[in-house]
Amino acid sequence: IKEASFRADGIFISTIAGLPIYFLELQFYLNPKIYAILLAKIMLYLKGCRDDPDWRAIIIFGKKADDPGAPHSFWEHLE
């Protein structure tokens, strides 16, 4: 399997040790796979980390109708 090229809209890493990494995705159209795409971007990023950092993800939708809703298989990753 070859890696796909992914670009995150934002990755915020604190200079204070122990704080989580924040991944930001901006979504301004309906994409039924947005949750899978974001999780894939996060996993590819974490693959290159030496440690196992805590992380959080934020998706900002242009309008409520742009959120397709998270699939049940992703619920364990949501808070």
C-alpha atoms as a PDB file:
ATOM      1  CA  ILE A   1       0.000   0.000   0.000  1.00  0.00           C
ATOM      2  CA  LYS A   2       1.402   3.355  -0.954  1.00  0.00           C
ATOM      3  CA  GLU A   3       0.763   6.331   1.272  1.00  0.00           C
ATOM      4  CA  ALA A   4      -1.546   8.976  -0.025  1.00  0.00           C
ATOM      5  CA  SER A   5      -0.551  12.608   0.234  1.00  0.00           C
ATOM      6  CA  PHE A   6      -2.530  14.378   2.930  1.00  0.00           C
ATOM      7  CA  ARG A   7      -2.330  17.973   4.040  1.00  0.00           C
ATOM      8  CA  ALA A   8      -3.842  19.039   7.312  1.00  0.00           C
ATOM      9  CA  ASP A   9      -5.503  22.444   7.523  1.00  0.00           C
ATOM     10  CA  GLY A  10      -3.825  22.988  10.873  1.00  0.00           C
ATOM     11  CA  ILE A  11      -1.673  21.180  13.410  1.00  0.00           C
ATOM     12  CA  PHE A  12      -1.103  22.947  16.693  1.00  0.00           C
ATOM     13  CA  ILE A  13       1.688  21.683  18.946  1.00  0.00           C
ATOM     14  CA  SER A  14       2.194  23.296  22.342  1.00  0.00           C
ATOM     15  CA  THR A  15       5.629  24.212  23.617  1.00  0.00           C
ATOM     16  CA  ILE A  16       4.442  23.004  27.019  1.00  0.00           C
ATOM     17  CA  ALA A  17       5.126  19.297  27.511  1.00  0.00           C
ATOM     18  CA  GLY A  18       2.159  17.044  28.169  1.00  0.00           C
ATOM     19  CA  LEU A  19      -0.469  19.071  26.315  1.00  0.00           C
ATOM     20  CA  PRO A  20      -2.244  17.379  23.392  1.00  0.00           C
ATOM     21  CA  ILE A  21      -1.620  18.008  19.721  1.00  0.00           C
ATOM     22  CA  TYR A  22      -4.625  19.632  18.044  1.00  0.00           C
ATOM     23  CA  PHE A  23      -5.558  18.812  14.445  1.00  0.00           C
ATOM     24  CA  LEU A  24      -7.859  21.240  12.656  1.00  0.00           C
ATOM     25  CA  GLU A  25      -9.905  20.538   9.548  1.00  0.00           C
ATOM     26  CA  LEU A  26     -12.062  23.133   7.770  1.00  0.00           C
ATOM     27  CA  GLN A  27     -14.919  21.718   5.714  1.00  0.00           C
ATOM     28  CA  PHE A  28     -17.112  23.910   3.535  1.00  0.00           C
ATOM     29  CA  TYR A  29     -18.938  21.312   1.463  1.00  0.00           C
ATOM     30  CA  LEU A  30     -20.608  17.977   2.163  1.00  0.00           C
ATOM     31  CA  ASN A  31     -18.062  15.150   2.108  1.00  0.00           C
ATOM     32  CA  PRO A  32     -19.418  11.851   3.502  1.00  0.00           C
ATOM     33  CA  LYS A  33     -15.843  10.642   4.141  1.00  0.00           C
ATOM     34  CA  ILE A  34     -14.580  13.693   6.073  1.00  0.00           C
ATOM     35  CA  TYR A  35     -14.245  11.800   9.369  1.00  0.00           C
ATOM     36  CA  ALA A  36     -12.260   8.980   7.726  1.00  0.00           C
ATOM     37  CA  ILE A  37     -10.077  11.482   5.864  1.00  0.00           C
ATOM     38  CA  LEU A  38      -9.277  13.414   9.047  1.00  0.00           C
ATOM     39  CA  LEU A  39      -8.512  10.239  10.990  1.00  0.00           C
ATOM     40  CA  ALA A  40      -6.214   9.060   8.167  1.00  0.00           C
ATOM     41  CA  LYS A  41      -4.343  12.377   8.254  1.00  0.00           C
ATOM     42  CA  ILE A  42      -3.937  12.101  12.015  1.00  0.00           C
ATOM     43  CA  MET A  43      -2.696   8.510  11.861  1.00  0.00           C
ATOM     44  CA  LEU A  44      -0.151   9.368   9.149  1.00  0.00           C
ATOM     45  CA  TYR A  45       1.131  12.232  11.282  1.00  0.00           C
ATOM     46  CA  LEU A  46       1.336  10.090  14.424  1.00  0.00           C
ATOM     47  CA  LYS A  47       3.158   7.361  12.494  1.00  0.00           C
ATOM     48  CA  GLY A  48       6.152   9.703  12.323  1.00  0.00           C
ATOM     49  CA  CYS A  49       6.148  10.556  16.040  1.00  0.00           C
ATOM     50  CA  ARG A  50       8.679   8.922  18.353  1.00  0.00           C
ATOM     51  CA  ASP A  51       6.333   8.896  21.297  1.00  0.00           C
ATOM     52  CA  ASP A  52       2.581   8.336  21.503  1.00  0.00           C
ATOM     53  CA  PRO A  53       1.245  11.862  22.010  1.00  0.00           C
ATOM     54  CA  ASP A  54      -2.215  12.709  23.229  1.00  0.00           C
ATOM     55  CA  TRP A  55      -4.250  14.400  20.502  1.00  0.00           C
ATOM     56  CA  ARG A  56      -7.537  16.103  19.767  1.00  0.00           C
ATOM     57  CA  ALA A  57      -9.245  16.882  16.465  1.00  0.00           C
ATOM     58  CA  ILE A  58     -11.554  19.729  15.539  1.00  0.00           C
ATOM     59  CA  ILE A  59     -13.639  19.988  12.381  1.00  0.00           C
ATOM     60  CA  ILE A  60     -15.145  23.362  11.585  1.00  0.00           C
ATOM     61  CA  PHE A  61     -18.020  23.104   9.123  1.00  0.00           C
ATOM     62  CA  GLY A  62     -19.140  26.025   6.978  1.00  0.00           C
ATOM     63  CA  LYS A  63     -22.741  25.157   7.788  1.00  0.00           C
ATOM     64  CA  LYS A  64     -24.483  22.408   9.735  1.00  0.00           C
ATOM     65  CA  ALA A  65     -25.585  20.670   6.515  1.00  0.00           C
ATOM     66  CA  ASP A  66     -21.894  20.102   5.622  1.00  0.00           C
ATOM     67  CA  ASP A  67     -21.547  17.668   8.554  1.00  0.00           C
ATOM     68  CA  PRO A  68     -22.506  14.171   7.350  1.00  0.00           C
ATOM     69  CA  GLY A  69     -22.358  12.844  10.905  1.00  0.00           C
ATOM     70  CA  ALA A  70     -19.705  10.498  12.189  1.00  0.00           C
ATOM     71  CA  PRO A  71     -20.087   6.820  11.256  1.00  0.00           C
ATOM     72  CA  HIS A  72     -20.747   4.468  14.176  1.00  0.00           C
ATOM     73  CA  SER A  73     -17.297   2.912  13.728  1.00  0.00           C
ATOM     74  CA  PHE A  74     -15.716   6.272  14.621  1.00  0.00           C
ATOM     75  CA  TRP A  75     -17.736   6.912  17.778  1.00  0.00           C
ATOM     76  CA  GLU A  76     -15.030   5.550  20.070  1.00  0.00           C
ATOM     77  CA  HIS A  77     -12.754   8.368  18.852  1.00  0.00           C
ATOM     78  CA  LEU A  78     -15.314  11.095  19.578  1.00  0.00           C
ATOM     79  CA  GLU A  79     -15.928  12.878  22.849  1.00  0.00           C
END
